[in-house]
């Protein structure tokens, strides 16, 4: 007797995880800019819980421009790729002085 394995469609289909912005870089940029989570949330038009989520699990890539505008960094700062600026580059971009 052979066993036939059938795969039934799930009632809860898997949602493909989308690429997100680096949560550590979001937090670092916010703190460096001197903004609270509430202030950043107001600027972005989201809740402070949403900002907390961005800093815990990452933000959608679609938020890169808005976050960059609010925090005065380049949008590429939030991505982690070989060409992404280092966190230390916040100080080299002009807004935060010459560094520590």
C-alpha atoms as a PDB file:
ATOM      1  CA  UNK A   1       0.000   0.000   0.000  1.00  0.00           C
ATOM      2  CA  UNK A   2       1.431   3.396  -0.941  1.00  0.00           C
ATOM      3  CA  UNK A   3       0.747   6.691   0.734  1.00  0.00           C
ATOM      4  CA  UNK A   4      -0.267   9.622  -1.418  1.00  0.00           C
ATOM      5  CA  UNK A   5       0.637  12.973   0.038  1.00  0.00           C
ATOM      6  CA  UNK A   6      -1.702  15.803  -0.915  1.00  0.00           C
ATOM      7  CA  UNK A   7      -1.108  19.443  -0.169  1.00  0.00           C
ATOM      8  CA  UNK A   8      -4.261  21.408   0.469  1.00  0.00           C
ATOM      9  CA  UNK A   9      -4.376  25.160   0.077  1.00  0.00           C
ATOM     10  CA  UNK A  10      -3.944  26.982   3.363  1.00  0.00           C
ATOM     11  CA  UNK A  11      -6.679  29.097   4.844  1.00  0.00           C
ATOM     12  CA  UNK A  12      -3.843  31.341   6.026  1.00  0.00           C
ATOM     13  CA  UNK A  13      -1.571  31.874   3.049  1.00  0.00           C
ATOM     14  CA  UNK A  14       2.021  32.834   3.767  1.00  0.00           C
ATOM     15  CA  UNK A  15       2.708  36.480   3.318  1.00  0.00           C
ATOM     16  CA  UNK A  16       5.999  37.071   1.604  1.00  0.00           C
ATOM     17  CA  UNK A  17       8.179  39.193   3.853  1.00  0.00           C
ATOM     18  CA  UNK A  18       9.156  42.410   2.154  1.00  0.00           C
ATOM     19  CA  UNK A  19      12.501  44.037   2.521  1.00  0.00           C
ATOM     20  CA  UNK A  20      12.534  46.551   5.332  1.00  0.00           C
ATOM     21  CA  UNK A  21      14.749  49.374   6.475  1.00  0.00           C
ATOM     22  CA  UNK A  22      17.305  48.677   9.185  1.00  0.00           C
ATOM     23  CA  UNK A  23      15.709  49.294  12.619  1.00  0.00           C
ATOM     24  CA  UNK A  24      18.999  50.153  14.351  1.00  0.00           C
ATOM     25  CA  UNK A  25      19.744  52.847  11.775  1.00  0.00           C
ATOM     26  CA  UNK A  26      16.254  54.315  12.187  1.00  0.00           C
ATOM     27  CA  UNK A  27      16.697  54.541  15.962  1.00  0.00           C
ATOM     28  CA  UNK A  28      20.204  55.963  15.663  1.00  0.00           C
ATOM     29  CA  UNK A  29      19.125  58.647  13.177  1.00  0.00           C
ATOM     30  CA  UNK A  30      16.129  59.604  15.339  1.00  0.00           C
ATOM     31  CA  UNK A  31      18.215  59.901  18.483  1.00  0.00           C
ATOM     32  CA  UNK A  32      20.953  61.816  16.672  1.00  0.00           C
ATOM     33  CA  UNK A  33      18.342  64.220  15.318  1.00  0.00           C
ATOM     34  CA  UNK A  34      17.142  64.770  18.891  1.00  0.00           C
ATOM     35  CA  UNK A  35      13.581  63.656  18.175  1.00  0.00           C
ATOM     36  CA  UNK A  36      11.347  61.578  20.397  1.00  0.00           C
ATOM     37  CA  UNK A  37       9.301  58.740  18.932  1.00  0.00           C
ATOM     38  CA  UNK A  38       6.203  60.919  19.325  1.00  0.00           C
ATOM     39  CA  UNK A  39       7.809  63.818  17.435  1.00  0.00           C
ATOM     40  CA  UNK A  40       8.929  61.556  14.601  1.00  0.00           C
ATOM     41  CA  UNK A  41       5.485  59.956  14.482  1.00  0.00           C
ATOM     42  CA  UNK A  42       3.850  63.385  14.184  1.00  0.00           C
ATOM     43  CA  UNK A  43       6.177  64.310  11.329  1.00  0.00           C
ATOM     44  CA  UNK A  44       5.452  61.036   9.491  1.00  0.00           C
ATOM     45  CA  UNK A  45       1.709  61.060  10.210  1.00  0.00           C
ATOM     46  CA  UNK A  46       1.825  57.714  12.018  1.00  0.00           C
ATOM     47  CA  UNK A  47       1.447  56.616  15.642  1.00  0.00           C
ATOM     48  CA  UNK A  48       4.317  56.433  18.109  1.00  0.00           C
ATOM     49  CA  UNK A  49       3.679  52.661  18.245  1.00  0.00           C
ATOM     50  CA  UNK A  50       4.405  52.532  14.510  1.00  0.00           C
ATOM     51  CA  UNK A  51       7.708  54.328  15.072  1.00  0.00           C
ATOM     52  CA  UNK A  52       8.497  51.868  17.873  1.00  0.00           C
ATOM     53  CA  UNK A  53       7.799  49.024  15.434  1.00  0.00           C
ATOM     54  CA  UNK A  54      10.092  50.644  12.868  1.00  0.00           C
ATOM     55  CA  UNK A  55      12.839  50.660  15.501  1.00  0.00           C
ATOM     56  CA  UNK A  56      12.179  47.060  16.546  1.00  0.00           C
ATOM     57  CA  UNK A  57      11.551  45.233  13.265  1.00  0.00           C
ATOM     58  CA  UNK A  58      12.262  47.797  10.544  1.00  0.00           C
ATOM     59  CA  UNK A  59      10.182  50.117   8.417  1.00  0.00           C
ATOM     60  CA  UNK A  60       8.756  49.445   4.971  1.00  0.00           C
ATOM     61  CA  UNK A  61      11.078  50.518   2.173  1.00  0.00           C
ATOM     62  CA  UNK A  62       8.300  52.868   1.038  1.00  0.00           C
ATOM     63  CA  UNK A  63       9.001  54.987   4.164  1.00  0.00           C
ATOM     64  CA  UNK A  64      12.677  55.632   3.308  1.00  0.00           C
ATOM     65  CA  UNK A  65      12.113  59.059   1.750  1.00  0.00           C
ATOM     66  CA  UNK A  66       9.817  60.287   4.538  1.00  0.00           C
ATOM     67  CA  UNK A  67      12.186  59.067   7.260  1.00  0.00           C
ATOM     68  CA  UNK A  68      15.169  60.597   5.468  1.00  0.00           C
ATOM     69  CA  UNK A  69      13.351  63.919   5.190  1.00  0.00           C
ATOM     70  CA  UNK A  70      12.306  63.904   8.845  1.00  0.00           C
ATOM     71  CA  UNK A  71      15.738  62.879  10.105  1.00  0.00           C
ATOM     72  CA  UNK A  72      17.790  64.797   7.527  1.00  0.00           C
ATOM     73  CA  UNK A  73      19.832  61.868   6.251  1.00  0.00           C
ATOM     74  CA  UNK A  74      20.100  60.235   2.850  1.00  0.00           C
ATOM     75  CA  UNK A  75      17.455  57.532   2.198  1.00  0.00           C
ATOM     76  CA  UNK A  76      20.240  55.024   1.554  1.00  0.00           C
ATOM     77  CA  UNK A  77      21.345  55.442   5.182  1.00  0.00           C
ATOM     78  CA  UNK A  78      18.521  53.131   6.271  1.00  0.00           C
ATOM     79  CA  UNK A  79      19.512  50.238   4.043  1.00  0.00           C
ATOM     80  CA  UNK A  80      22.269  47.841   4.882  1.00  0.00           C
ATOM     81  CA  UNK A  81      24.229  47.245   1.737  1.00  0.00           C
ATOM     82  CA  UNK A  82      27.897  47.510   0.819  1.00  0.00           C
ATOM     83  CA  UNK A  83      27.333  51.051  -0.462  1.00  0.00           C
ATOM     84  CA  UNK A  84      25.247  52.231   2.525  1.00  0.00           C
ATOM     85  CA  UNK A  85      26.740  55.021   4.647  1.00  0.00           C
ATOM     86  CA  UNK A  86      28.037  54.111   8.068  1.00  0.00           C
ATOM     87  CA  UNK A  87      26.240  55.358  11.173  1.00  0.00           C
ATOM     88  CA  UNK A  88      29.235  57.623  11.749  1.00  0.00           C
ATOM     89  CA  UNK A  89      28.397  59.298   8.428  1.00  0.00           C
ATOM     90  CA  UNK A  90      25.524  61.120  10.164  1.00  0.00           C
ATOM     91  CA  UNK A  91      28.171  63.448  11.503  1.00  0.00           C
ATOM     92  CA  UNK A  92      29.913  63.822   8.170  1.00  0.00           C
ATOM     93  CA  UNK A  93      26.752  64.873   6.318  1.00  0.00           C
ATOM     94  CA  UNK A  94      27.004  68.381   7.678  1.00  0.00           C
ATOM     95  CA  UNK A  95      23.964  68.692   9.930  1.00  0.00           C
ATOM     96  CA  UNK A  96      25.531  67.282  13.094  1.00  0.00           C
ATOM     97  CA  UNK A  97      28.921  68.932  13.050  1.00  0.00           C
ATOM     98  CA  UNK A  98      32.299  67.406  12.404  1.00  0.00           C
ATOM     99  CA  UNK A  99      31.926  64.319  14.578  1.00  0.00           C
ATOM    100  CA  UNK A 100      32.750  63.319  18.098  1.00  0.00           C
END
